[in-house]
Amino acid sequence: MIAQFNKLSEANPTSSDRVISLKPFQDKFIFSQKRYPAFIGAWGTGKTMCAIERGRIHSEKHPKNLGMIVRKEFVNLRDSTMVDYENYTGMKINSERNSDFSNHSRVMFRHAEELTKDNLSNINLGWFIIEQAEEFDTDDVFFMLTGRLRREGVPHWGAVIGNTRGHDWIYKLWKVGQDDSYSLEEATSFDNADN
């Protein structure tokens, strides 16, 4: 996928490249410089695709990076998120639920029951993504993962994607909160109707 260029002609894609045109809200999320970007939108707005692309870019750009993609339930992680990752990136996920890059970066796929302080105590992440963040009732997992953003030599960020679910923890941190390290992109299905 080519998303780093303003014009397709600058990228010089080959026939094996997957080329997409990003909507402004997708572009803002993928390339946000904020530490905690969020993309909250309806079905069909490209949230998962954008999150995976953001993680892929940072894993390719920064050798020995370590990212984690999290989902609440293992079945959804396995049957949806991991399948989407392989489809969008063309990369494989091994039996330990990791995807390894040639530059020694790694993306780990984990579910909520695995995210205990003991399991995370020695992990130094460069980035994380919580997919379908509205499935989590509290911000506990988000803040636990923010505490693991300490990998040396790489930018640190944690993103959430999900659907709107009233005045939940996502609403409070991104919609009401005033911390300028957070950014929020929102979209409806109509915003991406042509896709």
C-alpha atoms as a PDB file:
ATOM      1  CA  MET A   1       0.000   0.000   0.000  1.00  0.00           C
ATOM      2  CA  ILE A   2       1.314   3.448  -0.798  1.00  0.00           C
ATOM      3  CA  ALA A   3       0.126   6.161   1.545  1.00  0.00           C
ATOM      4  CA  GLN A   4       3.251   8.205   2.199  1.00  0.00           C
ATOM      5  CA  PHE A   5       3.061  10.331  -0.947  1.00  0.00           C
ATOM      6  CA  ASN A   6       0.881  13.303  -1.806  1.00  0.00           C
ATOM      7  CA  LYS A   7       0.679  12.328  -5.469  1.00  0.00           C
ATOM      8  CA  LEU A   8       0.595   8.880  -6.992  1.00  0.00           C
ATOM      9  CA  SER A   9       3.208   9.959  -9.533  1.00  0.00           C
ATOM     10  CA  GLU A  10       5.683  10.647  -6.688  1.00  0.00           C
ATOM     11  CA  ALA A  11       5.365   7.073  -5.464  1.00  0.00           C
ATOM     12  CA  ASN A  12       6.071   5.340  -8.771  1.00  0.00           C
ATOM     13  CA  PRO A  13       4.001   2.246  -7.868  1.00  0.00           C
ATOM     14  CA  THR A  14       4.580  -1.148  -9.450  1.00  0.00           C
ATOM     15  CA  SER A  15       1.912  -3.659 -10.436  1.00  0.00           C
ATOM     16  CA  SER A  16       2.392  -5.489  -7.104  1.00  0.00           C
ATOM     17  CA  ASP A  17       1.629  -2.367  -5.027  1.00  0.00           C
ATOM     18  CA  ARG A  18      -1.823  -1.889  -3.555  1.00  0.00           C
ATOM     19  CA  VAL A  19      -2.717   1.734  -4.206  1.00  0.00           C
ATOM     20  CA  ILE A  20      -5.579   3.436  -2.416  1.00  0.00           C
ATOM     21  CA  SER A  21      -6.880   6.988  -2.287  1.00  0.00           C
ATOM     22  CA  LEU A  22      -7.322   8.123   1.290  1.00  0.00           C
ATOM     23  CA  LYS A  23     -10.201  10.273   2.434  1.00  0.00           C
ATOM     24  CA  PRO A  24      -9.078  13.358   4.419  1.00  0.00           C
ATOM     25  CA  PHE A  25     -10.178  11.829   7.764  1.00  0.00           C
ATOM     26  CA  GLN A  26      -8.249   8.621   6.984  1.00  0.00           C
ATOM     27  CA  ASP A  27      -5.131  10.563   6.015  1.00  0.00           C
ATOM     28  CA  LYS A  28      -5.295  12.671   9.194  1.00  0.00           C
ATOM     29  CA  PHE A  29      -5.504   9.561  11.368  1.00  0.00           C
ATOM     30  CA  ILE A  30      -2.735   7.597   9.631  1.00  0.00           C
ATOM     31  CA  PHE A  31      -0.279  10.502   9.635  1.00  0.00           C
ATOM     32  CA  SER A  32      -1.280  12.186  12.899  1.00  0.00           C
ATOM     33  CA  GLN A  33       1.702  13.444  14.887  1.00  0.00           C
ATOM     34  CA  LYS A  34      -0.259  13.259  18.134  1.00  0.00           C
ATOM     35  CA  ARG A  35       0.727  10.658  20.710  1.00  0.00           C
ATOM     36  CA  TYR A  36      -2.822   9.283  21.031  1.00  0.00           C
ATOM     37  CA  PRO A  37      -4.828   9.413  17.784  1.00  0.00           C
ATOM     38  CA  ALA A  38      -8.331   7.949  17.622  1.00  0.00           C
ATOM     39  CA  PHE A  39     -10.554   7.092  14.674  1.00  0.00           C
ATOM     40  CA  ILE A  40     -14.165   6.614  15.688  1.00  0.00           C
ATOM     41  CA  GLY A  41     -16.620   5.934  12.924  1.00  0.00           C
ATOM     42  CA  ALA A  42     -19.389   3.865  11.502  1.00  0.00           C
ATOM     43  CA  TRP A  43     -19.039   0.573   9.674  1.00  0.00           C
ATOM     44  CA  GLY A  44     -17.276   0.849   6.324  1.00  0.00           C
ATOM     45  CA  THR A  45     -15.153   3.925   7.060  1.00  0.00           C
ATOM     46  CA  GLY A  46     -11.813   2.097   6.826  1.00  0.00           C
ATOM     47  CA  LYS A  47     -10.867   2.207  10.506  1.00  0.00           C
ATOM     48  CA  THR A  48      -9.089  -1.156  10.573  1.00  0.00           C
ATOM     49  CA  MET A  49      -7.329  -0.579   7.260  1.00  0.00           C
ATOM     50  CA  CYS A  50      -6.054   2.799   8.467  1.00  0.00           C
ATOM     51  CA  ALA A  51      -4.903   1.488  11.835  1.00  0.00           C
ATOM     52  CA  ILE A  52      -3.022  -1.404  10.234  1.00  0.00           C
ATOM     53  CA  GLU A  53      -1.429   0.965   7.721  1.00  0.00           C
ATOM     54  CA  ARG A  54      -0.333   3.335  10.485  1.00  0.00           C
ATOM     55  CA  GLY A  55       1.308   0.459  12.365  1.00  0.00           C
ATOM     56  CA  ARG A  56       2.926  -0.926   9.202  1.00  0.00           C
ATOM     57  CA  ILE A  57       4.448   2.442   8.309  1.00  0.00           C
ATOM     58  CA  HIS A  58       5.987   2.855  11.762  1.00  0.00           C
ATOM     59  CA  SER A  59       7.249  -0.724  11.802  1.00  0.00           C
ATOM     60  CA  GLU A  60       8.914  -0.368   8.399  1.00  0.00           C
ATOM     61  CA  LYS A  61      10.305   3.103   9.066  1.00  0.00           C
ATOM     62  CA  HIS A  62      11.851   2.312  12.468  1.00  0.00           C
ATOM     63  CA  PRO A  63      13.968  -0.884  12.682  1.00  0.00           C
ATOM     64  CA  LYS A  64      13.528  -3.058  15.784  1.00  0.00           C
ATOM     65  CA  ASN A  65      10.217  -1.402  16.568  1.00  0.00           C
ATOM     66  CA  LEU A  66       7.643  -3.351  18.561  1.00  0.00           C
ATOM     67  CA  GLY A  67       3.934  -2.775  18.095  1.00  0.00           C
ATOM     68  CA  MET A  68       0.905  -4.490  19.556  1.00  0.00           C
ATOM     69  CA  ILE A  69      -2.612  -4.760  18.141  1.00  0.00           C
ATOM     70  CA  VAL A  70      -5.188  -5.542  20.810  1.00  0.00           C
ATOM     71  CA  ARG A  71      -8.777  -6.728  20.734  1.00  0.00           C
ATOM     72  CA  LYS A  72     -10.985  -7.674  23.669  1.00  0.00           C
ATOM     73  CA  GLU A  73     -11.948 -11.207  22.597  1.00  0.00           C
ATOM     74  CA  PHE A  74      -9.562 -13.780  21.130  1.00  0.00           C
ATOM     75  CA  VAL A  75     -12.124 -15.062  18.608  1.00  0.00           C
ATOM     76  CA  ASN A  76     -12.594 -11.576  17.136  1.00  0.00           C
ATOM     77  CA  LEU A  77      -8.839 -10.998  17.126  1.00  0.00           C
ATOM     78  CA  ARG A  78      -8.246 -14.270  15.260  1.00  0.00           C
ATOM     79  CA  ASP A  79     -11.215 -14.239  12.881  1.00  0.00           C
ATOM     80  CA  SER A  80     -11.297 -10.543  12.012  1.00  0.00           C
ATOM     81  CA  THR A  81      -8.279  -8.428  12.987  1.00  0.00           C
ATOM     82  CA  MET A  82      -5.562 -10.945  12.103  1.00  0.00           C
ATOM     83  CA  VAL A  83      -7.266 -11.864   8.814  1.00  0.00           C
ATOM     84  CA  ASP A  84      -7.542  -8.182   7.897  1.00  0.00           C
ATOM     85  CA  TYR A  85      -3.872  -7.607   8.754  1.00  0.00           C
ATOM     86  CA  GLU A  86      -2.714 -10.406   6.456  1.00  0.00           C
ATOM     87  CA  ASN A  87      -5.031  -9.221   3.665  1.00  0.00           C
ATOM     88  CA  TYR A  88      -3.990  -5.559   3.900  1.00  0.00           C
ATOM     89  CA  THR A  89      -0.246  -6.096   4.346  1.00  0.00           C
ATOM     90  CA  GLY A  90       0.381  -9.369   2.505  1.00  0.00           C
ATOM     91  CA  MET A  91       2.411 -10.435   5.558  1.00  0.00           C
ATOM     92  CA  LYS A  92       1.907 -13.603   7.576  1.00  0.00           C
ATOM     93  CA  ILE A  93       1.255 -13.920  11.292  1.00  0.00           C
ATOM     94  CA  ASN A  94       3.073 -16.857  12.898  1.00  0.00           C
ATOM     95  CA  SER A  95       1.731 -19.373  15.422  1.00  0.00           C
ATOM     96  CA  GLU A  96       2.859 -17.136  18.300  1.00  0.00           C
ATOM     97  CA  ARG A  97       0.622 -14.381  16.844  1.00  0.00           C
ATOM     98  CA  ASN A  98       3.500 -12.165  15.746  1.00  0.00           C
ATOM     99  CA  SER A  99       4.292 -10.656  12.361  1.00  0.00           C
ATOM    100  CA  ASP A 100       7.999 -10.043  11.769  1.00  0.00           C
ATOM    101  CA  PHE A 101       9.522  -7.484   9.403  1.00  0.00           C
ATOM    102  CA  SER A 102      12.865  -7.844   7.617  1.00  0.00           C
ATOM    103  CA  ASN A 103      14.208  -4.874   9.641  1.00  0.00           C
ATOM    104  CA  HIS A 104      13.567  -6.810  12.900  1.00  0.00           C
ATOM    105  CA  SER A 105      10.410  -4.898  13.780  1.00  0.00           C
ATOM    106  CA  ARG A 106       7.557  -6.993  15.125  1.00  0.00           C
ATOM    107  CA  VAL A 107       3.792  -6.634  15.456  1.00  0.00           C
ATOM    108  CA  MET A 108       2.191  -8.684  18.236  1.00  0.00           C
ATOM    109  CA  PHE A 109      -1.520  -9.611  18.318  1.00  0.00           C
ATOM    110  CA  ARG A 110      -3.017  -9.999  21.791  1.00  0.00           C
ATOM    111  CA  HIS A 111      -6.413 -10.110  23.482  1.00  0.00           C
ATOM    112  CA  ALA A 112      -7.628  -8.651  26.772  1.00  0.00           C
ATOM    113  CA  GLU A 113      -7.100 -11.728  28.958  1.00  0.00           C
ATOM    114  CA  GLU A 114      -3.399 -11.698  28.063  1.00  0.00           C
ATOM    115  CA  LEU A 115      -2.952  -8.081  29.102  1.00  0.00           C
ATOM    116  CA  THR A 116      -2.031  -8.353  32.755  1.00  0.00           C
ATOM    117  CA  LYS A 117       0.664  -6.368  34.510  1.00  0.00           C
ATOM    118  CA  ASP A 118       2.693  -9.581  34.822  1.00  0.00           C
ATOM    119  CA  ASN A 119       2.448 -10.378  31.094  1.00  0.00           C
ATOM    120  CA  LEU A 120       3.337  -6.818  30.094  1.00  0.00           C
ATOM    121  CA  SER A 121       6.005  -6.127  32.716  1.00  0.00           C
ATOM    122  CA  ASN A 122       8.995  -6.627  30.406  1.00  0.00           C
ATOM    123  CA  ILE A 123       7.507  -5.366  27.137  1.00  0.00           C
ATOM    124  CA  ASN A 124       8.821  -2.094  25.732  1.00  0.00           C
ATOM    125  CA  LEU A 125       6.437  -0.994  22.999  1.00  0.00           C
ATOM    126  CA  GLY A 126       6.925   1.646  20.344  1.00  0.00           C
ATOM    127  CA  TRP A 127       3.215   1.680  19.526  1.00  0.00           C
ATOM    128  CA  PHE A 128      -0.108  -0.024  20.139  1.00  0.00           C
ATOM    129  CA  ILE A 129      -3.557  -0.088  18.564  1.00  0.00           C
ATOM    130  CA  ILE A 130      -6.765  -1.046  20.356  1.00  0.00           C
ATOM    131  CA  GLU A 131      -9.260  -2.226  17.760  1.00  0.00           C
ATOM    132  CA  GLN A 132     -12.977  -1.931  18.522  1.00  0.00           C
ATOM    133  CA  ALA A 133     -12.021   0.013  21.636  1.00  0.00           C
ATOM    134  CA  GLU A 134     -15.667   0.452  22.555  1.00  0.00           C
ATOM    135  CA  GLU A 135     -15.729  -3.262  23.462  1.00  0.00           C
ATOM    136  CA  PHE A 136     -13.676  -2.366  26.551  1.00  0.00           C
ATOM    137  CA  ASP A 137     -15.810  -1.042  29.414  1.00  0.00           C
ATOM    138  CA  THR A 138     -13.051   1.055  31.003  1.00  0.00           C
ATOM    139  CA  ASP A 139      -9.821   2.812  30.048  1.00  0.00           C
ATOM    140  CA  ASP A 140      -7.723   0.337  32.101  1.00  0.00           C
ATOM    141  CA  VAL A 141      -6.186  -1.472  29.108  1.00  0.00           C
ATOM    142  CA  PHE A 142      -5.473   1.813  27.320  1.00  0.00           C
ATOM    143  CA  PHE A 143      -3.575   3.242  30.295  1.00  0.00           C
ATOM    144  CA  MET A 144      -1.823  -0.055  30.983  1.00  0.00           C
ATOM    145  CA  LEU A 145      -0.501  -0.018  27.408  1.00  0.00           C
ATOM    146  CA  THR A 146       0.493   3.659  27.575  1.00  0.00           C
ATOM    147  CA  GLY A 147       2.779   2.656  30.432  1.00  0.00           C
ATOM    148  CA  ARG A 148       4.547   0.224  28.091  1.00  0.00           C
ATOM    149  CA  LEU A 149       5.425   2.904  25.499  1.00  0.00           C
ATOM    150  CA  ARG A 150       9.109   3.014  26.304  1.00  0.00           C
ATOM    151  CA  ARG A 151      10.975   1.428  23.406  1.00  0.00           C
ATOM    152  CA  GLU A 152      14.210   3.282  22.717  1.00  0.00           C
ATOM    153  CA  GLY A 153      14.885   5.018  19.410  1.00  0.00           C
ATOM    154  CA  VAL A 154      11.323   5.049  18.036  1.00  0.00           C
ATOM    155  CA  PRO A 155       8.349   7.431  18.265  1.00  0.00           C
ATOM    156  CA  HIS A 156       5.808   6.395  20.913  1.00  0.00           C
ATOM    157  CA  TRP A 157       2.081   6.377  20.211  1.00  0.00           C
ATOM    158  CA  GLY A 158      -1.096   4.519  21.071  1.00  0.00           C
ATOM    159  CA  ALA A 159      -4.167   4.585  18.840  1.00  0.00           C
ATOM    160  CA  VAL A 160      -7.745   3.500  19.305  1.00  0.00           C
ATOM    161  CA  ILE A 161     -10.314   2.744  16.643  1.00  0.00           C
ATOM    162  CA  GLY A 162     -13.918   1.893  17.198  1.00  0.00           C
ATOM    163  CA  ASN A 163     -17.583   2.663  16.929  1.00  0.00           C
ATOM    164  CA  THR A 164     -19.461   5.314  18.863  1.00  0.00           C
ATOM    165  CA  ARG A 165     -20.881   4.024  22.139  1.00  0.00           C
ATOM    166  CA  GLY A 166     -22.334   6.960  24.006  1.00  0.00           C
ATOM    167  CA  HIS A 167     -20.446   8.774  26.735  1.00  0.00           C
ATOM    168  CA  ASP A 168     -17.921   6.009  27.392  1.00  0.00           C
ATOM    169  CA  TRP A 169     -14.210   6.311  28.248  1.00  0.00           C
ATOM    170  CA  ILE A 170     -13.328   7.082  24.615  1.00  0.00           C
ATOM    171  CA  TYR A 171     -15.804   9.969  24.542  1.00  0.00           C
ATOM    172  CA  LYS A 172     -14.384  11.326  27.811  1.00  0.00           C
ATOM    173  CA  LEU A 173     -10.719  11.176  26.718  1.00  0.00           C
ATOM    174  CA  TRP A 174     -11.012  12.249  23.080  1.00  0.00           C
ATOM    175  CA  LYS A 175     -14.244  14.226  22.731  1.00  0.00           C
ATOM    176  CA  VAL A 176     -14.468  16.031  26.077  1.00  0.00           C
ATOM    177  CA  GLY A 177     -10.843  15.924  27.203  1.00  0.00           C
ATOM    178  CA  GLN A 178      -8.594  18.898  26.567  1.00  0.00           C
ATOM    179  CA  ASP A 179      -5.201  17.139  26.414  1.00  0.00           C
ATOM    180  CA  ASP A 180      -3.530  18.198  23.152  1.00  0.00           C
ATOM    181  CA  SER A 181      -1.620  14.913  22.861  1.00  0.00           C
ATOM    182  CA  TYR A 182      -4.952  13.375  21.771  1.00  0.00           C
ATOM    183  CA  SER A 183      -6.492  13.720  18.295  1.00  0.00           C
ATOM    184  CA  LEU A 184      -9.855  12.484  17.061  1.00  0.00           C
ATOM    185  CA  GLU A 185     -11.077  11.694  13.563  1.00  0.00           C
ATOM    186  CA  GLU A 186     -14.740  10.819  13.090  1.00  0.00           C
ATOM    187  CA  ALA A 187     -16.656   9.543  10.077  1.00  0.00           C
ATOM    188  CA  THR A 188     -20.028   8.173   9.075  1.00  0.00           C
ATOM    189  CA  SER A 189     -20.672   5.453   6.497  1.00  0.00           C
ATOM    190  CA  PHE A 190     -21.783   8.204   4.099  1.00  0.00           C
ATOM    191  CA  ASP A 191     -18.310   9.787   4.306  1.00  0.00           C
ATOM    192  CA  ASN A 192     -16.893   6.705   2.603  1.00  0.00           C
ATOM    193  CA  ALA A 193     -19.943   5.659   0.566  1.00  0.00           C
ATOM    194  CA  ASP A 194     -18.046   5.409  -2.730  1.00  0.00           C
ATOM    195  CA  ASN A 195     -15.927   2.592  -1.310  1.00  0.00           C
END
